[in-house]
C-alpha cells in the first residue's frame, strides 16, 4: 500500500511539473482561427534519384561536391571569421 502511494505521489508531482511548463496559445490568434492546428496541402515531391557520389560498379561516376560543402556526420565546416 505504501509503495503504491509513493509511486502515485511521484507520478503526480512529475505530471504537475510538465503542466506548469506548457505555454498558453496567443488568445487573439486562437479566437480568430478557432483551431490550434492547421492542415496544409502537400507540396510537389521531386522524383528520387541516385547519388552521383555512390561507387556502384558499371555506372558512370558523377561529380561529388567538395568535402567542405558536404553535410557529413562528424564533420563541421569551419566557422567564419568574427
PDB file of N, CA and C in Angstrom:
ATOM      1  N   UNK A   1       0.830  -1.197   0.000  1.00  0.00           N
ATOM      2  CA  UNK A   1       0.000   0.000   0.000  1.00  0.00           C
ATOM      3  C   UNK A   1       0.878   1.266   0.000  1.00  0.00           C
ATOM      4  N   UNK A   2       1.892   1.297   0.825  1.00  0.00           N
ATOM      5  CA  UNK A   2       2.732   2.492   0.891  1.00  0.00           C
ATOM      6  C   UNK A   2       3.549   2.666  -0.388  1.00  0.00           C
ATOM      7  N   UNK A   3       3.926   1.546  -1.015  1.00  0.00           N
ATOM      8  CA  UNK A   3       4.669   1.637  -2.272  1.00  0.00           C
ATOM      9  C   UNK A   3       3.779   2.236  -3.352  1.00  0.00           C
ATOM     10  N   UNK A   4       2.522   1.813  -3.404  1.00  0.00           N
ATOM     11  CA  UNK A   4       1.577   2.348  -4.387  1.00  0.00           C
ATOM     12  C   UNK A   4       1.356   3.837  -4.161  1.00  0.00           C
ATOM     13  N   UNK A   5       1.223   4.228  -2.912  1.00  0.00           N
ATOM     14  CA  UNK A   5       1.026   5.640  -2.587  1.00  0.00           C
ATOM     15  C   UNK A   5       2.259   6.457  -2.972  1.00  0.00           C
ATOM     16  N   UNK A   6       3.437   5.917  -2.716  1.00  0.00           N
ATOM     17  CA  UNK A   6       4.675   6.608  -3.068  1.00  0.00           C
ATOM     18  C   UNK A   6       4.802   6.778  -4.580  1.00  0.00           C
ATOM     19  N   UNK A   7       4.495   5.729  -5.330  1.00  0.00           N
ATOM     20  CA  UNK A   7       4.549   5.807  -6.792  1.00  0.00           C
ATOM     21  C   UNK A   7       3.528   6.820  -7.302  1.00  0.00           C
ATOM     22  N   UNK A   8       2.336   6.841  -6.728  1.00  0.00           N
ATOM     23  CA  UNK A   8       1.304   7.794  -7.146  1.00  0.00           C
ATOM     24  C   UNK A   8       1.750   9.228  -6.874  1.00  0.00           C
ATOM     25  N   UNK A   9       2.369   9.470  -5.731  1.00  0.00           N
ATOM     26  CA  UNK A   9       2.837  10.824  -5.414  1.00  0.00           C
ATOM     27  C   UNK A   9       3.951  11.270  -6.360  1.00  0.00           C
ATOM     28  N   UNK A  10       4.860  10.368  -6.685  1.00  0.00           N
ATOM     29  CA  UNK A  10       5.930  10.710  -7.631  1.00  0.00           C
ATOM     30  C   UNK A  10       5.343  11.020  -8.997  1.00  0.00           C
ATOM     31  N   UNK A  11       4.394  10.219  -9.441  1.00  0.00           N
ATOM     32  CA  UNK A  11       3.762  10.444 -10.742  1.00  0.00           C
ATOM     33  C   UNK A  11       3.027  11.779 -10.777  1.00  0.00           C
ATOM     34  N   UNK A  12       2.270  12.080  -9.723  1.00  0.00           N
ATOM     35  CA  UNK A  12       1.522  13.340  -9.696  1.00  0.00           C
ATOM     36  C   UNK A  12       2.449  14.549  -9.658  1.00  0.00           C
ATOM     37  N   UNK A  13       3.535  14.466  -8.909  1.00  0.00           N
ATOM     38  CA  UNK A  13       4.450  15.610  -8.864  1.00  0.00           C
ATOM     39  C   UNK A  13       5.146  15.804 -10.209  1.00  0.00           C
ATOM     40  N   UNK A  14       5.443  14.707 -10.904  1.00  0.00           N
ATOM     41  CA  UNK A  14       6.073  14.810 -12.218  1.00  0.00           C
ATOM     42  C   UNK A  14       5.105  15.400 -13.242  1.00  0.00           C
ATOM     43  N   UNK A  15       3.849  14.979 -13.219  1.00  0.00           N
ATOM     44  CA  UNK A  15       2.887  15.499 -14.192  1.00  0.00           C
ATOM     45  C   UNK A  15       2.572  16.969 -13.926  1.00  0.00           C
ATOM     46  N   UNK A  16       2.647  17.401 -12.677  1.00  0.00           N
ATOM     47  CA  UNK A  16       2.402  18.806 -12.364  1.00  0.00           C
ATOM     48  C   UNK A  16       3.514  19.677 -12.945  1.00  0.00           C
ATOM     49  N   UNK A  17       4.758  19.214 -12.903  1.00  0.00           N
ATOM     50  CA  UNK A  17       5.858  19.985 -13.474  1.00  0.00           C
ATOM     51  C   UNK A  17       5.688  20.134 -14.977  1.00  0.00           C
ATOM     52  N   UNK A  18       5.221  19.087 -15.647  1.00  0.00           N
ATOM     53  CA  UNK A  18       5.007  19.175 -17.084  1.00  0.00           C
ATOM     54  C   UNK A  18       3.875  20.142 -17.398  1.00  0.00           C
ATOM     55  N   UNK A  19       2.840  20.139 -16.590  1.00  0.00           N
ATOM     56  CA  UNK A  19       1.712  21.038 -16.820  1.00  0.00           C
ATOM     57  C   UNK A  19       2.137  22.489 -16.632  1.00  0.00           C
ATOM     58  N   UNK A  20       2.993  22.760 -15.683  1.00  0.00           N
ATOM     59  CA  UNK A  20       3.451  24.128 -15.452  1.00  0.00           C
ATOM     60  C   UNK A  20       4.352  24.628 -16.573  1.00  0.00           C
ATOM     61  N   UNK A  21       4.944  23.724 -17.342  1.00  0.00           N
ATOM     62  CA  UNK A  21       5.850  24.117 -18.413  1.00  0.00           C
ATOM     63  C   UNK A  21       5.130  24.437 -19.717  1.00  0.00           C
ATOM     64  N   UNK A  22       3.822  24.236 -19.780  1.00  0.00           N
ATOM     65  CA  UNK A  22       3.066  24.469 -21.013  1.00  0.00           C
ATOM     66  C   UNK A  22       2.846  25.968 -21.209  1.00  0.00           C
ATOM     67  N   UNK A  23       3.081  26.440 -22.436  1.00  0.00           N
ATOM     68  CA  UNK A  23       2.797  27.839 -22.759  1.00  0.00           C
ATOM     69  C   UNK A  23       1.367  27.960 -23.264  1.00  0.00           C
ATOM     70  N   UNK A  24       0.755  29.072 -22.981  1.00  0.00           N
ATOM     71  CA  UNK A  24      -0.591  29.317 -23.482  1.00  0.00           C
ATOM     72  C   UNK A  24      -0.519  29.774 -24.931  1.00  0.00           C
ATOM     73  N   UNK A  25      -1.545  29.441 -25.697  1.00  0.00           N
ATOM     74  CA  UNK A  25      -1.630  29.930 -27.068  1.00  0.00           C
ATOM     75  C   UNK A  25      -1.948  31.415 -27.055  1.00  0.00           C
ATOM     76  N   UNK A  26      -1.587  32.090 -28.107  1.00  0.00           N
ATOM     77  CA  UNK A  26      -1.930  33.506 -28.217  1.00  0.00           C
ATOM     78  C   UNK A  26      -3.449  33.601 -28.308  1.00  0.00           C
ATOM     79  N   UNK A  27      -4.069  34.190 -27.318  1.00  0.00           N
ATOM     80  CA  UNK A  27      -5.521  34.199 -27.223  1.00  0.00           C
ATOM     81  C   UNK A  27      -6.210  34.818 -28.421  1.00  0.00           C
ATOM     82  N   UNK A  28      -5.714  35.948 -28.884  1.00  0.00           N
ATOM     83  CA  UNK A  28      -6.346  36.638 -30.005  1.00  0.00           C
ATOM     84  C   UNK A  28      -6.283  35.798 -31.282  1.00  0.00           C
ATOM     85  N   UNK A  29      -5.140  35.222 -31.543  1.00  0.00           N
ATOM     86  CA  UNK A  29      -4.975  34.394 -32.735  1.00  0.00           C
ATOM     87  C   UNK A  29      -5.869  33.159 -32.642  1.00  0.00           C
ATOM     88  N   UNK A  30      -5.959  32.555 -31.461  1.00  0.00           N
ATOM     89  CA  UNK A  30      -6.781  31.361 -31.272  1.00  0.00           C
ATOM     90  C   UNK A  30      -8.255  31.687 -31.480  1.00  0.00           C
ATOM     91  N   UNK A  31      -8.691  32.827 -31.019  1.00  0.00           N
ATOM     92  CA  UNK A  31     -10.102  33.200 -31.171  1.00  0.00           C
ATOM     93  C   UNK A  31     -10.437  33.429 -32.638  1.00  0.00           C
ATOM     94  N   UNK A  32      -9.519  34.054 -33.397  1.00  0.00           N
ATOM     95  CA  UNK A  32      -9.776  34.293 -34.818  1.00  0.00           C
ATOM     96  C   UNK A  32      -9.874  32.989 -35.592  1.00  0.00           C
ATOM     97  N   UNK A  33      -8.952  32.079 -35.362  1.00  0.00           N
ATOM     98  CA  UNK A  33      -8.907  30.843 -36.140  1.00  0.00           C
ATOM     99  C   UNK A  33      -9.791  29.744 -35.579  1.00  0.00           C
ATOM    100  N   UNK A  34     -10.032  29.750 -34.299  1.00  0.00           N
ATOM    101  CA  UNK A  34     -10.819  28.721 -33.619  1.00  0.00           C
ATOM    102  C   UNK A  34     -10.207  27.333 -33.743  1.00  0.00           C
ATOM    103  N   UNK A  35      -8.979  27.256 -34.151  1.00  0.00           N
ATOM    104  CA  UNK A  35      -8.282  25.975 -34.199  1.00  0.00           C
ATOM    105  C   UNK A  35      -6.853  26.181 -33.733  1.00  0.00           C
ATOM    106  N   UNK A  36      -6.274  25.121 -33.203  1.00  0.00           N
ATOM    107  CA  UNK A  36      -4.893  25.215 -32.743  1.00  0.00           C
ATOM    108  C   UNK A  36      -3.926  24.629 -33.768  1.00  0.00           C
ATOM    109  N   UNK A  37      -4.407  23.733 -34.626  1.00  0.00           N
ATOM    110  CA  UNK A  37      -3.557  23.080 -35.613  1.00  0.00           C
ATOM    111  C   UNK A  37      -4.178  23.277 -36.987  1.00  0.00           C
ATOM    112  N   UNK A  38      -3.368  23.607 -37.969  1.00  0.00           N
ATOM    113  CA  UNK A  38      -3.858  23.778 -39.330  1.00  0.00           C
ATOM    114  C   UNK A  38      -3.326  22.661 -40.204  1.00  0.00           C
ATOM    115  N   UNK A  39      -4.151  22.202 -41.128  1.00  0.00           N
ATOM    116  CA  UNK A  39      -3.714  21.201 -42.094  1.00  0.00           C
ATOM    117  C   UNK A  39      -3.342  21.912 -43.385  1.00  0.00           C
ATOM    118  N   UNK A  40      -2.171  21.633 -43.899  1.00  0.00           N
ATOM    119  CA  UNK A  40      -1.719  22.230 -45.146  1.00  0.00           C
ATOM    120  C   UNK A  40      -1.641  21.157 -46.212  1.00  0.00           C
ATOM    121  N   UNK A  41      -1.878  21.552 -47.457  1.00  0.00           N
ATOM    122  CA  UNK A  41      -1.791  20.593 -48.542  1.00  0.00           C
ATOM    123  C   UNK A  41      -0.329  20.261 -48.805  1.00  0.00           C
ATOM    124  N   UNK A  42      -0.115  19.048 -49.236  1.00  0.00           N
ATOM    125  CA  UNK A  42       1.240  18.588 -49.502  1.00  0.00           C
ATOM    126  C   UNK A  42       1.754  19.204 -50.794  1.00  0.00           C
ATOM    127  N   UNK A  43       2.978  19.666 -50.767  1.00  0.00           N
ATOM    128  CA  UNK A  43       3.590  20.255 -51.947  1.00  0.00           C
ATOM    129  C   UNK A  43       4.119  19.192 -52.885  1.00  0.00           C
ATOM    130  N   UNK A  44       4.592  19.598 -54.057  1.00  0.00           N
ATOM    131  CA  UNK A  44       5.124  18.625 -55.008  1.00  0.00           C
ATOM    132  C   UNK A  44       6.405  17.981 -54.460  1.00  0.00           C
ATOM    133  N   UNK A  45       6.546  16.696 -54.720  1.00  0.00           N
ATOM    134  CA  UNK A  45       7.712  15.948 -54.261  1.00  0.00           C
ATOM    135  C   UNK A  45       8.591  15.647 -55.466  1.00  0.00           C
ATOM    136  N   UNK A  46       9.858  16.064 -55.438  1.00  0.00           N
ATOM    137  CA  UNK A  46      10.730  15.782 -56.582  1.00  0.00           C
ATOM    138  C   UNK A  46      11.004  14.277 -56.671  1.00  0.00           C
ATOM    139  N   UNK A  47      11.181  13.768 -57.873  1.00  0.00           N
ATOM    140  CA  UNK A  47      11.464  12.336 -58.002  1.00  0.00           C
ATOM    141  C   UNK A  47      12.820  12.002 -57.388  1.00  0.00           C
ATOM    142  N   UNK A  48      12.909  10.804 -56.840  1.00  0.00           N
ATOM    143  CA  UNK A  48      14.172  10.415 -56.221  1.00  0.00           C
ATOM    144  C   UNK A  48      15.166  10.000 -57.297  1.00  0.00           C
ATOM    145  N   UNK A  49      16.407  10.263 -57.043  1.00  0.00           N
ATOM    146  CA  UNK A  49      17.468   9.908 -57.983  1.00  0.00           C
ATOM    147  C   UNK A  49      18.652   9.380 -57.188  1.00  0.00           C
ATOM    148  N   UNK A  50      19.466   8.597 -57.828  1.00  0.00           N
ATOM    149  CA  UNK A  50      20.646   8.059 -57.164  1.00  0.00           C
ATOM    150  C   UNK A  50      21.664   9.143 -56.885  1.00  0.00           C
ATOM    151  N   UNK A  51      22.511   8.881 -55.938  1.00  0.00           N
ATOM    152  CA  UNK A  51      23.557   9.827 -55.596  1.00  0.00           C
ATOM    153  C   UNK A  51      24.687   9.736 -56.613  1.00  0.00           C
ATOM    154  N   UNK A  52      25.164  10.863 -57.140  1.00  0.00           N
ATOM    155  CA  UNK A  52      26.287  10.803 -58.069  1.00  0.00           C
ATOM    156  C   UNK A  52      27.585  10.420 -57.358  1.00  0.00           C
ATOM    157  N   UNK A  53      27.582  10.437 -56.044  1.00  0.00           N
ATOM    158  CA  UNK A  53      28.792  10.118 -55.289  1.00  0.00           C
ATOM    159  C   UNK A  53      28.902   8.638 -54.954  1.00  0.00           C
ATOM    160  N   UNK A  54      27.908   7.844 -55.307  1.00  0.00           N
ATOM    161  CA  UNK A  54      27.983   6.420 -54.965  1.00  0.00           C
ATOM    162  C   UNK A  54      29.024   5.724 -55.838  1.00  0.00           C
ATOM    163  N   UNK A  55      29.562   4.660 -55.340  1.00  0.00           N
ATOM    164  CA  UNK A  55      30.599   3.925 -56.054  1.00  0.00           C
ATOM    165  C   UNK A  55      30.029   2.575 -56.486  1.00  0.00           C
ATOM    166  N   UNK A  56      29.084   2.571 -57.412  1.00  0.00           N
ATOM    167  CA  UNK A  56      28.471   1.352 -57.906  1.00  0.00           C
ATOM    168  C   UNK A  56      29.189   0.961 -59.186  1.00  0.00           C
ATOM    169  N   UNK A  57      29.743  -0.257 -59.250  1.00  0.00           N
ATOM    170  CA  UNK A  57      30.459  -0.684 -60.457  1.00  0.00           C
ATOM    171  C   UNK A  57      29.530  -0.718 -61.670  1.00  0.00           C
ATOM    172  N   UNK A  58      30.041  -0.305 -62.827  1.00  0.00           N
ATOM    173  CA  UNK A  58      29.267  -0.334 -64.056  1.00  0.00           C
ATOM    174  C   UNK A  58      28.451   0.913 -64.307  1.00  0.00           C
ATOM    175  N   UNK A  59      28.485   1.856 -63.407  1.00  0.00           N
ATOM    176  CA  UNK A  59      27.740   3.105 -63.601  1.00  0.00           C
ATOM    177  C   UNK A  59      28.716   4.253 -63.749  1.00  0.00           C
ATOM    178  N   UNK A  60      28.251   5.291 -64.423  1.00  0.00           N
ATOM    179  CA  UNK A  60      29.094   6.480 -64.570  1.00  0.00           C
ATOM    180  C   UNK A  60      29.268   7.145 -63.211  1.00  0.00           C
ATOM    181  N   UNK A  61      30.449   7.630 -62.991  1.00  0.00           N
ATOM    182  CA  UNK A  61      30.695   8.353 -61.752  1.00  0.00           C
ATOM    183  C   UNK A  61      30.381   9.826 -61.994  1.00  0.00           C
ATOM    184  N   UNK A  62      29.532  10.380 -61.165  1.00  0.00           N
ATOM    185  CA  UNK A  62      29.185  11.790 -61.281  1.00  0.00           C
ATOM    186  C   UNK A  62      30.168  12.646 -60.515  1.00  0.00           C
ATOM    187  N   UNK A  63      29.900  13.918 -60.506  1.00  0.00           N
ATOM    188  CA  UNK A  63      30.750  14.844 -59.759  1.00  0.00           C
ATOM    189  C   UNK A  63      30.205  14.980 -58.353  1.00  0.00           C
ATOM    190  N   UNK A  64      31.057  14.824 -57.395  1.00  0.00           N
ATOM    191  CA  UNK A  64      30.685  14.996 -55.995  1.00  0.00           C
ATOM    192  C   UNK A  64      31.088  16.396 -55.549  1.00  0.00           C
ATOM    193  N   UNK A  65      30.306  17.009 -54.663  1.00  0.00           N
ATOM    194  CA  UNK A  65      30.718  18.316 -54.145  1.00  0.00           C
ATOM    195  C   UNK A  65      31.964  18.158 -53.282  1.00  0.00           C
ATOM    196  N   UNK A  66      32.748  19.221 -53.140  1.00  0.00           N
ATOM    197  CA  UNK A  66      33.926  19.145 -52.269  1.00  0.00           C
ATOM    198  C   UNK A  66      33.518  18.795 -50.841  1.00  0.00           C
ATOM    199  N   UNK A  67      34.430  18.215 -50.110  1.00  0.00           N
ATOM    200  CA  UNK A  67      34.120  17.770 -48.756  1.00  0.00           C
ATOM    201  C   UNK A  67      33.659  18.920 -47.868  1.00  0.00           C
ATOM    202  N   UNK A  68      34.134  20.109 -48.130  1.00  0.00           N
ATOM    203  CA  UNK A  68      33.750  21.254 -47.301  1.00  0.00           C
ATOM    204  C   UNK A  68      32.305  21.662 -47.522  1.00  0.00           C
ATOM    205  N   UNK A  69      31.692  21.216 -48.616  1.00  0.00           N
ATOM    206  CA  UNK A  69      30.304  21.572 -48.896  1.00  0.00           C
ATOM    207  C   UNK A  69      29.346  20.427 -48.602  1.00  0.00           C
ATOM    208  N   UNK A  70      29.869  19.252 -48.271  1.00  0.00           N
ATOM    209  CA  UNK A  70      29.017  18.100 -47.998  1.00  0.00           C
ATOM    210  C   UNK A  70      28.538  18.137 -46.556  1.00  0.00           C
ATOM    211  N   UNK A  71      27.320  17.658 -46.322  1.00  0.00           N
ATOM    212  CA  UNK A  71      26.787  17.530 -44.975  1.00  0.00           C
ATOM    213  C   UNK A  71      27.039  16.099 -44.516  1.00  0.00           C
ATOM    214  N   UNK A  72      28.184  15.885 -43.918  1.00  0.00           N
ATOM    215  CA  UNK A  72      28.588  14.559 -43.486  1.00  0.00           C
ATOM    216  C   UNK A  72      28.599  14.542 -41.968  1.00  0.00           C
ATOM    217  N   UNK A  73      28.082  13.469 -41.378  1.00  0.00           N
ATOM    218  CA  UNK A  73      28.075  13.357 -39.925  1.00  0.00           C
ATOM    219  C   UNK A  73      29.503  13.370 -39.400  1.00  0.00           C
ATOM    220  N   UNK A  74      29.722  14.153 -38.373  1.00  0.00           N
ATOM    221  CA  UNK A  74      31.040  14.205 -37.764  1.00  0.00           C
ATOM    222  C   UNK A  74      31.949  15.250 -38.375  1.00  0.00           C
ATOM    223  N   UNK A  75      31.501  15.966 -39.383  1.00  0.00           N
ATOM    224  CA  UNK A  75      32.325  17.000 -39.995  1.00  0.00           C
ATOM    225  C   UNK A  75      31.569  18.312 -39.935  1.00  0.00           C
ATOM    226  N   UNK A  76      32.175  19.304 -39.373  1.00  0.00           N
ATOM    227  CA  UNK A  76      31.571  20.627 -39.325  1.00  0.00           C
ATOM    228  C   UNK A  76      32.439  21.578 -40.134  1.00  0.00           C
ATOM    229  N   UNK A  77      31.822  22.385 -40.998  1.00  0.00           N
ATOM    230  CA  UNK A  77      32.623  23.341 -41.763  1.00  0.00           C
ATOM    231  C   UNK A  77      33.250  24.365 -40.823  1.00  0.00           C
ATOM    232  N   UNK A  78      34.354  24.973 -41.218  1.00  0.00           N
ATOM    233  CA  UNK A  78      34.993  25.961 -40.348  1.00  0.00           C
ATOM    234  C   UNK A  78      34.087  27.171 -40.136  1.00  0.00           C
ATOM    235  N   UNK A  79      34.191  27.745 -38.951  1.00  0.00           N
ATOM    236  CA  UNK A  79      33.382  28.911 -38.625  1.00  0.00           C
ATOM    237  C   UNK A  79      33.922  30.143 -39.343  1.00  0.00           C
ATOM    238  N   UNK A  80      33.030  31.061 -39.746  1.00  0.00           N
ATOM    239  CA  UNK A  80      33.504  32.292 -40.389  1.00  0.00           C
ATOM    240  C   UNK A  80      34.234  33.173 -39.382  1.00  0.00           C
ATOM    241  N   UNK A  81      35.120  34.005 -39.887  1.00  0.00           N
ATOM    242  CA  UNK A  81      35.850  34.923 -39.020  1.00  0.00           C
ATOM    243  C   UNK A  81      34.897  35.938 -38.419  1.00  0.00           C
ATOM    244  N   UNK A  82      35.097  36.248 -37.159  1.00  0.00           N
ATOM    245  CA  UNK A  82      34.202  37.174 -36.459  1.00  0.00           C
ATOM    246  C   UNK A  82      34.559  38.603 -36.724  1.00  0.00           C
TER     247      UNK A  82
END
